[in-house]
N, C-alpha and C. Protein backbone atom coordinates (compact mmCIF):
# COMPACT_ATOMS: atom_id res chain seq x y z
N MET A 1 -188.24 85.97 -100.18
CA MET A 1 -186.42 85.67 -101.45
C MET A 1 -185.35 87.03 -100.83
N ARG A 2 -184.41 86.78 -100.91
CA ARG A 2 -183.64 87.58 -100.39
C ARG A 2 -182.86 88.94 -100.80
N ILE A 3 -182.35 89.81 -100.01
CA ILE A 3 -182.59 90.81 -101.12
C ILE A 3 -180.32 91.34 -101.27
N ARG A 4 -180.32 91.57 -102.35
CA ARG A 4 -178.86 91.58 -102.53
C ARG A 4 -178.52 93.21 -102.72
N TRP A 5 -177.60 93.80 -102.71
CA TRP A 5 -177.54 95.29 -102.97
C TRP A 5 -175.92 95.61 -103.74
N THR A 6 -175.87 96.25 -104.63
CA THR A 6 -174.96 96.23 -105.77
C THR A 6 -174.57 97.47 -105.05
N PHE A 7 -172.98 97.17 -104.95
CA PHE A 7 -171.55 98.21 -104.29
C PHE A 7 -172.17 99.67 -105.12
N ALA A 8 -173.16 99.98 -106.41
CA ALA A 8 -173.46 101.36 -106.85
C ALA A 8 -174.96 101.90 -105.55
N ALA A 9 -175.99 100.26 -105.03
CA ALA A 9 -176.79 100.85 -104.37
C ALA A 9 -176.57 100.89 -103.35
N ALA A 10 -176.12 99.96 -102.99
CA ALA A 10 -174.99 100.32 -100.99
C ALA A 10 -174.85 102.20 -101.36
N ALA A 11 -173.86 102.50 -102.25
CA ALA A 11 -172.99 104.16 -102.29
C ALA A 11 -174.19 104.89 -102.33
N ASP A 12 -175.39 104.78 -103.32
CA ASP A 12 -176.57 105.77 -103.25
C ASP A 12 -177.59 105.77 -101.48
N LEU A 13 -177.45 104.48 -101.85
CA LEU A 13 -178.56 104.27 -99.88
C LEU A 13 -176.99 106.01 -99.03
N GLU A 14 -176.03 105.08 -98.68
CA GLU A 14 -175.17 105.98 -97.88
C GLU A 14 -175.16 107.60 -97.91
N ARG A 15 -175.43 107.93 -99.55
CA ARG A 15 -175.19 109.42 -99.95
C ARG A 15 -177.30 109.91 -99.85
N ILE A 16 -177.53 109.30 -99.57
CA ILE A 16 -178.89 109.83 -99.22
C ILE A 16 -179.53 110.01 -97.74
N ARG A 17 -178.09 109.05 -97.18
CA ARG A 17 -178.38 109.14 -95.28
C ARG A 17 -177.57 110.39 -95.00
N ASP A 18 -175.86 110.23 -96.09
CA ASP A 18 -175.48 111.90 -95.49
C ASP A 18 -176.37 113.42 -95.59
N TYR A 19 -176.84 113.18 -97.35
CA TYR A 19 -178.21 114.58 -96.78
C TYR A 19 -179.11 114.44 -96.13
N LEU A 20 -180.03 113.16 -95.78
CA LEU A 20 -180.99 113.43 -94.70
C LEU A 20 -180.37 113.98 -93.67
N GLN A 21 -179.31 113.47 -92.94
CA GLN A 21 -178.77 113.82 -91.86
C GLN A 21 -178.02 115.00 -91.67
N GLU A 22 -177.67 115.64 -92.98
CA GLU A 22 -177.11 116.99 -93.37
C GLU A 22 -177.87 118.30 -93.05
N HIS A 23 -179.89 118.02 -93.78
CA HIS A 23 -180.30 118.06 -93.71
C HIS A 23 -181.62 118.12 -93.44
N GLU A 24 -182.26 116.89 -92.97
CA GLU A 24 -183.31 117.04 -92.19
C GLU A 24 -183.28 115.67 -91.52
N PRO A 25 -182.10 116.06 -90.34
CA PRO A 25 -181.97 114.39 -89.26
C PRO A 25 -183.24 113.84 -89.12
N HIS A 26 -184.18 114.38 -88.72
CA HIS A 26 -185.01 113.35 -88.35
C HIS A 26 -185.72 112.49 -88.57
N LEU A 27 -185.65 112.57 -90.06
CA LEU A 27 -185.66 112.09 -91.40
C LEU A 27 -184.86 110.35 -91.93
N ALA A 28 -183.37 110.95 -91.45
CA ALA A 28 -182.12 110.13 -91.73
C ALA A 28 -182.76 108.44 -91.38
N ARG A 29 -182.49 108.32 -90.33
CA ARG A 29 -183.17 107.29 -90.04
C ARG A 29 -183.99 106.22 -90.53
N PRO A 30 -185.19 106.54 -90.07
CA PRO A 30 -186.47 106.43 -91.09
C PRO A 30 -186.19 106.16 -92.32
N THR A 31 -186.39 107.38 -93.00
CA THR A 31 -185.84 106.68 -94.41
C THR A 31 -185.03 105.41 -94.89
N VAL A 32 -184.10 105.66 -94.13
CA VAL A 32 -182.49 104.71 -94.68
C VAL A 32 -183.25 102.95 -94.60
N LEU A 33 -183.96 103.05 -93.42
CA LEU A 33 -184.67 101.74 -92.88
C LEU A 33 -185.45 101.37 -93.80
N LYS A 34 -186.54 102.40 -94.18
CA LYS A 34 -187.32 101.81 -94.92
C LYS A 34 -186.76 101.58 -96.57
N LEU A 35 -186.01 101.95 -96.86
CA LEU A 35 -185.19 101.41 -98.23
C LEU A 35 -184.52 100.66 -98.18
N TYR A 36 -183.09 100.36 -97.29
CA TYR A 36 -182.43 99.00 -97.58
C TYR A 36 -183.85 97.82 -96.21
N GLU A 37 -185.17 98.08 -95.67
CA GLU A 37 -185.23 96.84 -96.05
C GLU A 37 -186.49 96.23 -96.69
N GLY A 38 -187.14 97.21 -97.87
CA GLY A 38 -187.54 96.79 -98.67
C GLY A 38 -188.28 95.45 -98.46
N ARG A 39 -188.99 95.68 -97.89
CA ARG A 39 -190.54 94.42 -97.49
C ARG A 39 -190.93 94.78 -98.36
N SER A 40 -192.01 95.21 -99.68
CA SER A 40 -192.26 95.30 -100.43
C SER A 40 -191.85 94.35 -101.43
N LEU A 41 -190.58 94.21 -101.98
CA LEU A 41 -189.65 93.87 -102.60
C LEU A 41 -189.59 92.19 -102.05
N LYS A 42 -189.15 91.88 -101.17
CA LYS A 42 -189.21 90.37 -100.88
C LYS A 42 -190.35 90.06 -100.64
N THR A 43 -191.21 90.55 -100.52
CA THR A 43 -192.56 89.46 -101.26
C THR A 43 -192.98 89.79 -101.72
N MET A 44 -192.63 90.55 -103.04
CA MET A 44 -193.29 91.20 -104.15
C MET A 44 -192.71 91.67 -105.01
N PRO A 45 -191.69 90.59 -105.14
CA PRO A 45 -190.70 91.27 -105.95
C PRO A 45 -190.71 91.74 -107.32
N ARG A 46 -191.61 91.24 -108.28
CA ARG A 46 -192.63 92.25 -109.56
C ARG A 46 -193.64 93.06 -109.28
N ARG A 47 -193.29 93.64 -107.90
CA ARG A 47 -194.78 94.56 -108.10
C ARG A 47 -194.06 95.69 -108.49
N GLY A 48 -192.95 95.77 -109.00
CA GLY A 48 -192.60 97.11 -109.54
C GLY A 48 -192.54 96.93 -111.01
N ARG A 49 -192.56 98.27 -111.67
CA ARG A 49 -193.00 99.03 -112.92
C ARG A 49 -192.33 98.14 -113.64
N VAL A 50 -191.68 97.81 -114.85
CA VAL A 50 -190.86 96.90 -115.69
C VAL A 50 -189.82 98.84 -116.09
N GLY A 51 -188.41 97.97 -115.58
CA GLY A 51 -187.41 99.01 -115.64
C GLY A 51 -187.10 99.84 -117.23
N ARG A 52 -186.13 100.82 -117.23
CA ARG A 52 -185.85 101.40 -117.78
C ARG A 52 -185.04 100.74 -118.92
N GLU A 53 -184.09 99.81 -118.39
CA GLU A 53 -183.21 98.89 -118.97
C GLU A 53 -183.91 97.78 -118.31
N GLU A 54 -182.78 97.05 -119.85
CA GLU A 54 -184.01 95.52 -120.18
C GLU A 54 -184.07 94.69 -119.19
N GLY A 55 -184.50 94.27 -119.03
CA GLY A 55 -184.85 92.91 -117.78
C GLY A 55 -184.38 94.39 -116.49
N THR A 56 -184.88 95.28 -115.48
CA THR A 56 -185.18 95.92 -114.33
C THR A 56 -185.85 95.53 -114.46
N ARG A 57 -186.48 96.44 -113.19
CA ARG A 57 -187.94 96.55 -112.87
C ARG A 57 -187.43 97.99 -111.37
N GLU A 58 -189.03 98.56 -111.36
CA GLU A 58 -188.50 100.35 -110.21
C GLU A 58 -189.47 100.29 -109.81
N LEU A 59 -189.05 100.60 -108.19
CA LEU A 59 -189.91 100.28 -106.84
C LEU A 59 -190.04 101.67 -107.07
N VAL A 60 -191.19 102.24 -107.12
CA VAL A 60 -191.86 103.50 -106.21
C VAL A 60 -191.58 103.33 -104.78
N PHE A 61 -190.95 103.84 -103.71
CA PHE A 61 -190.95 103.80 -102.18
C PHE A 61 -192.18 104.41 -101.70
N ALA A 62 -192.71 105.41 -102.18
CA ALA A 62 -194.15 106.39 -101.08
C ALA A 62 -194.62 105.34 -100.04
N PRO A 63 -194.42 106.44 -99.45
CA PRO A 63 -194.50 108.32 -99.80
C PRO A 63 -192.81 109.32 -100.13
N LEU A 64 -192.61 108.40 -100.06
CA LEU A 64 -190.95 109.01 -100.17
C LEU A 64 -190.85 109.14 -101.78
N PRO A 65 -190.07 109.78 -101.88
CA PRO A 65 -189.81 110.65 -103.29
C PRO A 65 -188.65 110.00 -103.78
N TYR A 66 -188.17 108.12 -103.02
CA TYR A 66 -187.21 107.35 -104.16
C TYR A 66 -187.81 106.28 -104.88
N ILE A 67 -186.90 105.97 -105.42
CA ILE A 67 -187.04 104.78 -106.76
C ILE A 67 -186.16 103.62 -106.99
N ALA A 68 -186.56 102.39 -106.52
CA ALA A 68 -185.07 101.91 -106.70
C ALA A 68 -185.55 100.96 -107.76
N ALA A 69 -184.19 100.82 -108.31
CA ALA A 69 -183.91 99.96 -109.52
C ALA A 69 -183.57 98.57 -109.19
N TYR A 70 -183.60 97.76 -109.93
CA TYR A 70 -183.61 96.27 -109.48
C TYR A 70 -183.32 95.34 -109.96
N ARG A 71 -182.84 93.57 -110.44
CA ARG A 71 -183.26 93.07 -110.75
C ARG A 71 -183.58 91.74 -110.68
N VAL A 72 -184.82 91.01 -110.81
CA VAL A 72 -184.76 90.14 -109.74
C VAL A 72 -184.64 89.11 -111.11
N LYS A 73 -184.17 87.75 -109.21
CA LYS A 73 -182.50 86.60 -109.91
C LYS A 73 -183.35 85.63 -109.39
N GLU A 74 -182.72 83.96 -109.44
CA GLU A 74 -184.19 83.32 -109.48
C GLU A 74 -183.49 83.27 -107.74
N GLN A 75 -182.64 83.35 -107.25
CA GLN A 75 -182.56 83.54 -105.64
C GLN A 75 -182.04 84.49 -104.77
N ALA A 76 -182.51 85.73 -105.24
CA ALA A 76 -182.23 87.15 -105.32
C ALA A 76 -183.17 88.10 -105.85
N ILE A 77 -182.80 88.99 -105.44
CA ILE A 77 -183.11 90.63 -106.20
C ILE A 77 -182.41 91.38 -105.94
N GLU A 78 -181.95 92.10 -106.96
CA GLU A 78 -180.65 92.28 -106.91
C GLU A 78 -181.01 93.96 -107.02
N VAL A 79 -180.71 94.61 -105.92
CA VAL A 79 -180.79 96.51 -106.04
C VAL A 79 -179.53 96.73 -107.00
N LEU A 80 -180.00 97.96 -107.71
CA LEU A 80 -178.75 98.28 -108.65
C LEU A 80 -178.78 99.26 -107.97
N HIS A 81 -179.97 100.69 -108.34
CA HIS A 81 -179.51 102.37 -107.87
C HIS A 81 -180.92 102.62 -107.41
N ILE A 82 -180.73 103.16 -106.31
CA ILE A 82 -181.23 103.98 -105.72
C ILE A 82 -181.69 105.45 -106.28
N TYR A 83 -182.52 105.99 -106.41
CA TYR A 83 -182.65 107.18 -107.91
C TYR A 83 -183.51 108.43 -106.69
N HIS A 84 -183.91 109.72 -106.65
CA HIS A 84 -184.34 110.40 -106.58
C HIS A 84 -185.41 111.12 -107.54
N ALA A 85 -186.44 110.61 -106.66
CA ALA A 85 -187.18 110.66 -108.11
C ALA A 85 -187.30 112.33 -109.08
N ALA A 86 -187.16 113.38 -108.47
CA ALA A 86 -187.15 114.87 -109.12
C ALA A 86 -186.10 114.53 -109.42
N ARG A 87 -184.84 113.80 -109.43
CA ARG A 87 -184.16 114.32 -110.21
C ARG A 87 -183.53 113.29 -111.34
N GLU A 88 -182.86 114.06 -112.66
CA GLU A 88 -182.71 112.89 -113.97
C GLU A 88 -181.73 112.05 -113.50
N ARG A 89 -181.87 111.21 -114.49
CA ARG A 89 -181.03 110.20 -114.67
C ARG A 89 -179.67 110.17 -115.58
N SER A 90 -178.52 109.41 -115.13
CA SER A 90 -177.84 109.66 -116.46
C SER A 90 -177.83 107.99 -117.26
């Protein structure tokens, strides 16, 4: 199954990369790659828990502190946002 990133999710990923590049540069590349590739999303799209909004799911990227909010469509998985688990979401 294909993964499609919304503009908001892509912006989230860029912010994560920028933050890590400034504060933990050795973690920036491997973290962003793990989030971007989303291997478990491709192979098991319904693996994540039911999301906060109707029709969405959430996958924790353990041991990373990030959560992907996504929607499973017929032909693709649509990543809506990437959140840091310790931050409050609006």
